[in-house]
Amino acid sequence: MQHTPTALADALNHGCRCQTLDAAQLQRELGRDAGLRDVADTLALTHPHLFSNTAVFASQATVQAVQAAVAALERTLSLPAWAQQVLPGASAMAQADHGPLGVFMGYDFHITPQGPQLIEINTNAGGAMLNAVLLRAQAVCCGLMNPALNAYRNMATLEDEFVAMFQAEWDLFNRARGQAPRLLRSIAIVDEAPQSQYLAPEFALFAELFQRHGIQAVVTDPGMLQLRNGVLYSGALALDLVYNRLTDFDLSDPIHAALAQAYAKDVVAVTPHPRAHALRANKQHLVTLGQAATLQALGVPPADQQTLLATVPACERVSAANAAALWEQRKQLFFKPLDGFGGRAVYRGDKLTKKVWEQIQQGDYIAQTLVPPPLRAMQVGDAATELKFDLRAYTYAGHVQLLAARTYSGQTTNFRTEGGGFAPVMWVPDGPTPSRLMENLPCHASSC
């Protein structure tokens, strides 16, 4: 069999069903702070499908390709010509640049024989803190795991990197206002009814992380924020920065009025923010980023054009003019609402009914070339199975901080799949060939 750079990773993903999660260690990691012990003790009951027992493997070539794609995407999305093209169609709230770049950008990829393919761009990608904890709870199931775990020996500094990112956003905010940098003192983690959100445990982990680094932190609903005398408050706490987990991307909901006013008036640093979403996460960008003529007209350097065209699947906007052709090609397409998020109202073309197709035509959708997700062999109870997975790159300023996987069954990622959930991505060296590896692979049982 011909050698390919991803052969070892592919063989492990398809042939190794070992369970690498040390559940007891995960519970200890989640409950490091006394205030989080209740969360740690109940998480298995309240969130049974949040974490997978199994790691996903990626070759060094895949990791490098993802890093290169993220860098090219960020350079393109940061071009002045890009802003001039996309901001006229964005909300009024997105027009001003208040300094911060936006924390935890998320770029989601499917891995294919031709390399990683970009599926989605997110400005408030959840799960980074949960995945950082998850990485610390992995056990070595066999000798082949050693090089994979070695790639993550910097995990001890990852959380420090997260805190430094928020400090950098605070510095950028102050610099944009002509003020000298100063220490970040207070953060509000904001989402609607945060305690009822599925990723509420992550909010608690972030609050504990900030407090451990000397930053006052609170988790709150946006309706509890108050703008008084030029300061945004959460209760009695005056806020320097809001870590924004809302999906109201332009802050147009009336219940978000205090936050919107504070953001517009430069009262508080907000990250991620409406401008970041307008510049980076509008699904129309998935169409534009795959068009050679548009990239050239924007002045994207040839090397980045080549990277983007190889990474971004072809997309087009659904319209009356192309509806008939798209219906004929539907089995090779995936349909997404332009203003959607979280896998809502998305459809694989081969699953479409006429009724749903009529709804798509009446809505505002893009048609994305279908890129089947890769598969990961797993042991779920007594059954051997395969689940789909994607790779999410958590990034800041074009730098990949962390790679994580989400394993699932169904049309889109979810946290309802038995055996599925977040999974650590283990980097392995390029090669050898699958046939040579499989002769010595011990990982066919539920544990090794």
Protein backbone atom coordinates (compact mmCIF):
# COMPACT_ATOMS: atom_id res chain seq x y z
CA MET A 1 0.00 0.00 0.00
CA GLN A 2 1.30 3.46 -0.89
CA HIS A 3 2.53 5.53 2.04
CA THR A 4 0.52 8.65 2.90
CA PRO A 5 1.34 11.24 5.60
CA THR A 6 -1.92 10.46 7.44
CA ALA A 7 -1.59 6.65 7.36
CA LEU A 8 -0.80 6.17 11.05
CA ALA A 9 -3.59 8.50 12.23
CA ASP A 10 -6.10 6.86 9.87
CA ALA A 11 -5.14 3.39 11.07
CA LEU A 12 -5.54 4.40 14.71
CA ASN A 13 -8.88 6.09 14.09
CA HIS A 14 -10.26 3.04 12.29
CA GLY A 15 -8.50 0.24 14.13
CA CYS A 16 -8.05 1.31 17.75
CA ARG A 17 -11.11 1.20 20.01
CA CYS A 18 -9.29 1.77 23.28
CA GLN A 19 -10.81 4.07 25.87
CA THR A 20 -8.32 6.69 26.99
CA LEU A 21 -10.42 8.78 29.36
CA ASP A 22 -9.53 8.43 33.05
CA ALA A 23 -12.96 9.30 34.48
CA ALA A 24 -11.71 9.61 38.06
CA GLN A 25 -8.93 11.97 36.96
CA LEU A 26 -11.43 14.04 34.95
CA GLN A 27 -13.59 14.42 38.03
CA ARG A 28 -10.56 15.53 40.05
CA GLU A 29 -9.56 18.04 37.36
CA LEU A 30 -13.08 19.47 37.16
CA GLY A 31 -13.28 19.79 40.94
CA ARG A 32 -9.86 21.30 41.61
CA ASP A 33 -11.60 24.26 43.21
CA ALA A 34 -13.96 23.59 46.13
CA GLY A 35 -16.66 25.65 44.42
CA LEU A 36 -16.65 23.30 41.43
CA ARG A 37 -16.94 20.02 43.28
CA ASP A 38 -20.72 19.91 42.98
CA VAL A 39 -20.37 20.37 39.21
CA ALA A 40 -17.76 17.62 39.03
CA ASP A 41 -19.83 15.24 41.14
CA THR A 42 -23.00 15.61 39.06
CA LEU A 43 -21.64 16.12 35.55
CA ALA A 44 -21.87 12.45 34.55
CA LEU A 45 -25.59 12.54 35.38
CA THR A 46 -26.45 15.97 33.97
CA HIS A 47 -24.20 15.78 30.89
CA PRO A 48 -23.78 12.08 30.04
CA HIS A 49 -22.68 12.76 26.45
CA LEU A 50 -20.43 15.79 26.98
CA PHE A 51 -17.14 13.85 26.91
CA SER A 52 -16.20 10.86 24.79
CA ASN A 53 -14.17 8.05 26.34
CA THR A 54 -11.99 7.92 23.25
CA ALA A 55 -9.35 10.19 21.71
CA VAL A 56 -9.21 11.12 18.03
CA PHE A 57 -5.89 10.94 16.19
CA ALA A 58 -4.54 13.46 13.68
CA SER A 59 -1.31 13.35 11.71
CA GLN A 60 1.27 16.07 11.99
CA ALA A 61 0.54 16.87 8.33
CA THR A 62 -3.15 17.43 9.18
CA VAL A 63 -2.29 19.63 12.15
CA GLN A 64 0.08 21.72 10.04
CA ALA A 65 -2.53 22.03 7.28
CA VAL A 66 -5.13 23.25 9.80
CA GLN A 67 -2.66 25.78 11.20
CA ALA A 68 -1.84 27.02 7.70
CA ALA A 69 -5.53 27.30 6.80
CA VAL A 70 -6.32 29.26 9.97
CA ALA A 71 -3.44 31.65 9.35
CA ALA A 72 -4.52 32.24 5.72
CA LEU A 73 -8.15 32.73 6.78
CA GLU A 74 -7.24 35.23 9.48
CA ARG A 75 -4.97 37.21 7.17
CA THR A 76 -7.76 37.40 4.59
CA LEU A 77 -10.48 38.28 7.08
CA SER A 78 -8.25 41.05 8.47
CA LEU A 79 -7.63 42.80 5.15
CA PRO A 80 -8.95 46.38 4.91
CA ALA A 81 -10.45 45.43 1.53
CA TRP A 82 -12.38 42.62 3.24
CA ALA A 83 -13.88 45.03 5.77
CA GLN A 84 -14.78 47.46 2.98
CA GLN A 85 -16.64 44.67 1.20
CA VAL A 86 -18.58 43.11 4.10
CA LEU A 87 -19.28 45.92 6.60
CA PRO A 88 -21.74 47.90 4.43
CA GLY A 89 -24.16 44.97 4.78
CA ALA A 90 -23.59 44.52 8.50
CA SER A 91 -25.46 46.00 11.46
CA ALA A 92 -24.80 49.50 12.75
CA MET A 93 -23.35 47.94 15.91
CA ALA A 94 -20.62 46.24 13.85
CA GLN A 95 -19.30 49.36 12.15
CA ALA A 96 -16.99 50.75 14.84
CA ASP A 97 -13.69 49.11 15.76
CA HIS A 98 -13.34 49.15 19.55
CA GLY A 99 -9.97 47.39 19.59
CA PRO A 100 -10.46 43.75 20.72
CA LEU A 101 -10.04 41.02 18.11
CA GLY A 102 -12.39 38.44 19.62
CA VAL A 103 -11.48 35.52 21.88
CA PHE A 104 -11.93 31.85 20.98
CA MET A 105 -12.51 31.97 17.27
CA GLY A 106 -13.55 28.49 16.17
CA TYR A 107 -12.74 26.97 12.79
CA ASP A 108 -14.40 23.58 12.20
CA PHE A 109 -12.91 21.11 9.73
CA HIS A 110 -13.65 17.72 8.23
CA ILE A 111 -10.52 15.71 7.48
CA THR A 112 -10.38 14.19 4.00
CA PRO A 113 -7.72 12.41 1.90
CA GLN A 114 -7.17 15.77 0.16
CA GLY A 115 -6.60 17.56 3.47
CA PRO A 116 -8.80 19.44 5.97
CA GLN A 117 -11.94 21.09 4.63
CA LEU A 118 -13.46 24.12 6.36
CA ILE A 119 -17.08 23.50 7.38
CA GLU A 120 -17.89 26.39 9.71
CA ILE A 121 -16.52 29.59 11.26
CA ASN A 122 -17.67 30.61 14.75
CA THR A 123 -16.97 33.72 16.80
CA ASN A 124 -18.04 32.38 20.19
CA ALA A 125 -16.83 28.80 19.98
CA GLY A 126 -17.65 26.97 23.20
CA GLY A 127 -15.72 24.15 24.81
CA ALA A 128 -12.11 25.35 24.94
CA MET A 129 -11.90 25.24 28.74
CA LEU A 130 -13.69 21.89 28.91
CA ASN A 131 -11.26 20.45 26.38
CA ALA A 132 -8.26 21.79 28.27
CA VAL A 133 -9.47 19.91 31.35
CA LEU A 134 -10.27 16.83 29.27
CA LEU A 135 -6.71 16.65 27.94
CA ARG A 136 -5.34 16.37 31.47
CA ALA A 137 -7.49 13.30 32.10
CA GLN A 138 -6.15 11.07 29.33
CA ALA A 139 -4.45 7.77 30.11
CA VAL A 140 -1.78 6.09 28.00
CA CYS A 141 -3.55 3.01 26.64
CA CYS A 142 -0.58 1.67 24.68
CA GLY A 143 2.93 2.63 23.58
CA LEU A 144 1.61 4.32 20.46
CA MET A 145 -0.10 6.91 22.67
CA ASN A 146 3.20 8.24 23.99
CA PRO A 147 4.15 10.42 21.00
CA ALA A 148 0.57 11.69 20.84
CA LEU A 149 0.56 12.77 24.46
CA ASN A 150 4.04 14.23 24.11
CA ALA A 151 2.63 16.77 21.66
CA TYR A 152 0.61 18.22 24.54
CA ARG A 153 3.29 18.62 27.19
CA ASN A 154 2.51 22.36 27.13
CA MET A 155 -0.96 21.75 28.58
CA ALA A 156 0.23 23.19 31.90
CA THR A 157 0.60 26.59 30.22
CA LEU A 158 -2.58 26.48 28.11
CA GLU A 159 -4.82 28.00 30.76
CA ASP A 160 -2.25 30.76 31.35
CA GLU A 161 -2.44 31.41 27.59
CA PHE A 162 -6.22 31.75 27.85
CA VAL A 163 -5.91 34.35 30.61
CA ALA A 164 -3.22 36.21 28.67
CA MET A 165 -5.61 36.37 25.70
CA PHE A 166 -8.24 38.19 27.77
CA GLN A 167 -5.56 40.56 29.08
CA ALA A 168 -4.51 41.20 25.46
CA GLU A 169 -8.12 42.06 24.57
CA TRP A 170 -8.23 44.49 27.51
CA ASP A 171 -4.97 46.05 26.33
CA LEU A 172 -6.32 46.46 22.78
CA PHE A 173 -9.48 48.08 24.14
CA ASN A 174 -7.51 50.59 26.18
CA ARG A 175 -5.10 51.31 23.36
CA ALA A 176 -8.03 52.05 21.02
CA ARG A 177 -9.22 54.63 23.57
CA GLY A 178 -5.77 56.19 23.79
CA GLN A 179 -5.16 54.87 27.30
CA ALA A 180 -2.16 53.08 28.72
CA PRO A 181 -2.37 49.31 29.31
CA ARG A 182 -3.40 48.24 32.80
CA LEU A 183 -4.22 45.03 34.59
CA LEU A 184 -7.56 43.41 33.89
CA ARG A 185 -9.49 43.45 37.18
CA SER A 186 -13.00 42.14 36.49
CA ILE A 187 -14.86 39.99 33.96
CA ALA A 188 -18.51 39.05 33.50
CA ILE A 189 -19.23 35.83 31.60
CA VAL A 190 -22.55 36.64 29.96
CA ASP A 191 -25.19 34.39 28.45
CA GLU A 192 -28.96 34.18 28.63
CA ALA A 193 -30.06 32.15 31.65
CA PRO A 194 -26.47 30.94 31.99
CA GLN A 195 -27.16 28.27 34.61
CA SER A 196 -29.53 26.50 32.21
CA GLN A 197 -27.12 26.51 29.25
CA TYR A 198 -25.69 23.13 28.29
CA LEU A 199 -22.14 24.45 28.61
CA ALA A 200 -22.82 26.08 32.01
CA PRO A 201 -20.08 23.93 33.61
CA GLU A 202 -17.58 25.71 31.37
CA PHE A 203 -18.74 29.10 32.64
CA ALA A 204 -17.97 27.95 36.18
CA LEU A 205 -14.55 26.70 35.08
CA PHE A 206 -13.73 30.05 33.45
CA ALA A 207 -14.87 32.00 36.51
CA GLU A 208 -12.60 29.84 38.70
CA LEU A 209 -9.70 30.29 36.26
CA PHE A 210 -10.01 34.07 36.26
CA GLN A 211 -10.30 34.25 40.03
CA ARG A 212 -7.24 32.03 40.41
CA HIS A 213 -5.34 34.66 38.38
CA GLY A 214 -6.51 37.56 40.55
CA ILE A 215 -9.39 38.69 38.29
CA GLN A 216 -12.84 39.10 39.85
CA ALA A 217 -15.35 37.08 37.81
CA VAL A 218 -19.09 36.58 37.73
CA VAL A 219 -21.42 34.50 35.55
CA THR A 220 -24.56 36.45 34.75
CA ASP A 221 -27.60 36.94 32.54
CA PRO A 222 -27.41 40.07 30.34
CA GLY A 223 -30.66 41.31 31.86
CA MET A 224 -28.84 41.69 35.19
CA LEU A 225 -26.29 44.16 33.79
CA GLN A 226 -26.74 47.84 34.57
CA LEU A 227 -25.13 50.88 33.02
CA ARG A 228 -24.66 53.53 35.74
CA ASN A 229 -22.63 56.74 35.52
CA GLY A 230 -20.56 55.51 32.61
CA VAL A 231 -19.75 52.13 34.18
CA LEU A 232 -21.26 48.72 33.44
CA TYR A 233 -22.10 46.78 36.58
CA SER A 234 -23.05 43.25 37.45
CA GLY A 235 -24.56 43.76 40.87
CA ALA A 236 -21.95 45.76 42.80
CA LEU A 237 -19.07 44.66 40.56
CA ALA A 238 -17.80 47.30 38.12
CA LEU A 239 -16.80 45.50 34.93
CA ASP A 240 -13.69 45.93 32.82
CA LEU A 241 -14.57 43.23 30.29
CA VAL A 242 -17.51 41.07 29.17
CA TYR A 243 -16.80 37.57 27.89
CA ASN A 244 -19.77 37.41 25.54
CA ARG A 245 -21.36 33.98 25.03
CA LEU A 246 -24.61 35.33 23.57
CA THR A 247 -25.92 34.19 20.19
CA ASP A 248 -27.55 37.58 19.61
CA PHE A 249 -24.58 38.51 17.48
CA ASP A 250 -25.48 42.17 16.88
CA LEU A 251 -26.85 42.76 20.41
CA SER A 252 -30.18 43.89 18.96
CA ASP A 253 -32.47 42.15 21.47
CA PRO A 254 -33.98 44.74 23.85
CA ILE A 255 -32.98 42.65 26.87
CA HIS A 256 -29.35 43.25 25.86
CA ALA A 257 -29.74 47.04 25.81
CA ALA A 258 -27.39 47.76 28.71
CA LEU A 259 -24.62 45.65 27.19
CA ALA A 260 -25.22 47.12 23.72
CA GLN A 261 -25.03 50.69 25.05
CA ALA A 262 -21.91 49.96 27.08
CA TYR A 263 -20.26 48.40 24.02
CA ALA A 264 -21.22 51.26 21.69
CA LYS A 265 -20.06 53.92 24.17
CA ASP A 266 -16.70 52.24 24.90
CA VAL A 267 -17.67 51.76 28.53
CA VAL A 268 -16.59 48.11 28.66
CA ALA A 269 -14.48 45.76 26.56
CA VAL A 270 -16.66 43.11 24.89
CA THR A 271 -15.22 39.95 23.37
CA PRO A 272 -16.22 38.42 21.03
CA HIS A 273 -18.30 41.27 19.65
CA PRO A 274 -20.63 42.26 16.77
CA ARG A 275 -17.81 43.47 14.51
CA ALA A 276 -15.93 40.16 14.85
CA HIS A 277 -19.05 38.25 13.88
CA ALA A 278 -19.73 40.50 10.89
CA LEU A 279 -16.14 40.24 9.63
CA ARG A 280 -15.60 36.54 10.25
CA ALA A 281 -18.67 34.39 10.92
CA ASN A 282 -21.37 35.49 8.48
CA LYS A 283 -22.06 32.35 6.45
CA GLN A 284 -21.93 34.36 3.24
CA HIS A 285 -18.17 34.38 3.83
CA LEU A 286 -18.08 30.63 3.16
CA VAL A 287 -19.22 31.50 -0.36
CA THR A 288 -16.74 34.33 -0.86
CA LEU A 289 -13.70 32.52 0.57
CA GLY A 290 -14.02 29.80 -2.05
CA GLN A 291 -14.20 32.11 -5.08
CA ALA A 292 -10.89 32.59 -6.88
CA ALA A 293 -11.88 35.78 -8.70
CA THR A 294 -13.12 37.44 -5.50
CA LEU A 295 -9.98 36.55 -3.56
CA GLN A 296 -7.82 37.95 -6.32
CA ALA A 297 -9.86 41.16 -6.46
CA LEU A 298 -9.47 41.58 -2.70
CA GLY A 299 -5.71 41.44 -3.04
CA VAL A 300 -5.26 38.15 -1.19
CA PRO A 301 -1.65 37.00 -1.73
CA PRO A 302 -1.32 34.09 -4.19
CA ALA A 303 -0.10 31.63 -1.54
CA ASP A 304 -3.12 32.36 0.67
CA GLN A 305 -5.43 32.11 -2.34
CA GLN A 306 -4.06 28.66 -3.02
CA THR A 307 -4.54 27.59 0.60
CA LEU A 308 -8.11 28.90 0.77
CA LEU A 309 -9.21 27.37 -2.52
CA ALA A 310 -7.83 24.01 -1.39
CA THR A 311 -9.51 24.27 2.04
CA VAL A 312 -12.90 25.95 1.56
CA PRO A 313 -15.54 23.76 -0.15
CA ALA A 314 -17.51 25.42 -2.93
CA CYS A 315 -20.65 27.22 -1.68
CA GLU A 316 -23.35 29.30 -3.26
CA ARG A 317 -26.37 31.27 -2.10
CA VAL A 318 -29.71 29.59 -2.77
CA SER A 319 -31.79 31.74 -5.12
CA ALA A 320 -34.66 31.43 -7.55
CA ALA A 321 -32.12 31.43 -10.39
CA ASN A 322 -30.22 28.35 -9.20
CA ALA A 323 -32.93 26.51 -7.24
CA ALA A 324 -33.70 23.96 -9.96
CA ALA A 325 -30.03 23.08 -10.47
CA LEU A 326 -29.40 22.82 -6.71
CA TRP A 327 -32.37 20.46 -6.31
CA GLU A 328 -30.90 18.20 -8.96
CA GLN A 329 -27.49 18.30 -7.24
CA ARG A 330 -28.89 18.11 -3.69
CA LYS A 331 -27.33 14.74 -2.81
CA GLN A 332 -23.89 16.36 -3.06
CA LEU A 333 -24.87 19.43 -1.01
CA PHE A 334 -25.43 20.56 2.58
CA PHE A 335 -27.86 23.43 3.22
CA LYS A 336 -27.36 26.00 6.02
CA PRO A 337 -29.35 29.11 6.99
CA LEU A 338 -27.34 32.29 6.52
CA ASP A 339 -28.02 33.51 10.07
CA GLY A 340 -28.02 30.09 11.75
CA PHE A 341 -25.74 28.68 14.42
CA GLY A 342 -25.30 25.53 16.45
CA GLY A 343 -26.39 23.19 13.67
CA ARG A 344 -29.97 24.49 13.71
CA ALA A 345 -32.17 24.15 10.61
CA VAL A 346 -29.36 22.58 8.56
CA TYR A 347 -30.04 19.77 6.12
CA ARG A 348 -28.12 17.19 4.19
CA GLY A 349 -29.35 17.32 0.62
CA ASP A 350 -29.91 13.56 0.38
CA LYS A 351 -32.33 13.81 3.33
CA LEU A 352 -34.41 16.66 1.91
CA THR A 353 -38.15 16.41 1.42
CA LYS A 354 -40.04 18.62 -1.01
CA LYS A 355 -41.67 20.43 1.92
CA VAL A 356 -38.33 21.30 3.51
CA TRP A 357 -36.92 22.32 0.14
CA GLU A 358 -39.76 24.82 -0.24
CA GLN A 359 -38.89 26.26 3.18
CA ILE A 360 -35.23 26.56 2.18
CA GLN A 361 -36.15 28.49 -0.96
CA GLN A 362 -38.28 30.88 1.07
CA GLY A 363 -35.50 31.40 3.61
CA ASP A 364 -31.97 32.66 3.23
CA TYR A 365 -29.67 29.65 2.75
CA ILE A 366 -26.32 28.67 1.38
CA ALA A 367 -25.65 25.38 -0.40
CA GLN A 368 -22.26 23.97 0.63
CA THR A 369 -20.55 21.09 -1.15
CA LEU A 370 -21.07 18.04 1.04
CA VAL A 371 -17.84 16.91 2.70
CA PRO A 372 -18.54 13.63 4.54
CA PRO A 373 -17.10 13.65 8.06
CA PRO A 374 -14.36 11.17 8.96
CA LEU A 375 -15.13 8.22 11.23
CA ARG A 376 -13.73 7.06 14.55
CA ALA A 377 -13.97 3.43 15.69
CA MET A 378 -15.37 3.15 19.22
CA GLN A 379 -16.46 0.69 21.82
CA VAL A 380 -19.83 1.74 23.26
CA GLY A 381 -20.80 -0.74 25.93
CA ASP A 382 -20.48 -4.17 24.38
CA ALA A 383 -20.88 -2.89 20.84
CA ALA A 384 -18.17 -1.89 18.39
CA THR A 385 -19.28 1.07 16.29
CA GLU A 386 -18.04 4.09 14.35
CA LEU A 387 -18.98 7.69 15.04
CA LYS A 388 -18.47 10.75 12.88
CA PHE A 389 -16.16 13.52 14.05
CA ASP A 390 -15.00 16.99 13.18
CA LEU A 391 -11.98 18.96 14.30
CA ARG A 392 -12.37 22.36 15.93
CA ALA A 393 -9.43 24.74 16.04
CA TYR A 394 -9.74 27.25 18.90
CA THR A 395 -7.73 30.27 17.82
CA TYR A 396 -6.74 33.79 18.73
CA ALA A 397 -5.14 36.32 16.37
CA GLY A 398 -4.58 33.62 13.77
CA HIS A 399 -2.80 31.27 16.17
CA VAL A 400 -4.21 27.82 16.96
CA GLN A 401 -4.33 27.42 20.73
CA LEU A 402 -6.04 24.05 20.91
CA LEU A 403 -7.43 21.34 18.65
CA ALA A 404 -10.43 19.33 19.82
CA ALA A 405 -12.83 16.88 18.24
CA ARG A 406 -16.57 16.39 18.55
CA THR A 407 -17.80 12.83 17.97
CA TYR A 408 -21.42 12.20 17.07
CA SER A 409 -23.98 10.41 14.96
CA GLY A 410 -26.66 12.16 12.92
CA GLN A 411 -26.58 15.04 10.44
CA THR A 412 -24.63 17.49 12.60
CA THR A 413 -22.54 17.60 15.76
CA ASN A 414 -24.55 17.18 18.95
CA PHE A 415 -24.19 16.12 22.56
CA ARG A 416 -26.90 13.46 22.45
CA THR A 417 -24.93 10.53 21.03
CA GLU A 418 -24.12 7.51 23.17
CA GLY A 419 -20.32 7.37 23.33
CA GLY A 420 -20.02 10.78 21.69
CA GLY A 421 -19.03 14.25 22.86
CA PHE A 422 -15.82 16.25 23.07
CA ALA A 423 -12.71 14.17 22.44
CA PRO A 424 -9.05 15.17 22.67
CA VAL A 425 -7.09 15.31 19.42
CA MET A 426 -3.83 13.40 19.73
CA TRP A 427 -1.09 14.31 17.26
CA VAL A 428 0.86 11.39 15.85
CA PRO A 429 3.88 11.32 13.52
CA ASP A 430 3.34 11.02 9.78
CA GLY A 431 3.39 7.34 8.66
CA PRO A 432 3.95 4.38 8.69
CA THR A 433 1.64 2.46 6.34
CA PRO A 434 -1.57 0.99 7.80
CA SER A 435 -0.61 -2.62 6.94
CA ARG A 436 2.66 -2.37 8.85
CA LEU A 437 0.98 -0.68 11.79
CA MET A 438 -1.94 -3.06 12.10
CA GLU A 439 0.36 -6.03 12.58
CA ASN A 440 1.46 -4.53 15.91
CA LEU A 441 -1.64 -2.65 17.00
CA PRO A 442 -2.95 -3.91 20.34
CA CYS A 443 -5.90 -1.55 20.65
CA HIS A 444 -8.86 -3.71 19.62
CA ALA A 445 -10.39 -4.10 23.03
CA SER A 446 -12.37 -1.61 25.09
CA SER A 447 -9.16 -0.83 26.98
CA CYS A 448 -5.49 -1.65 26.56
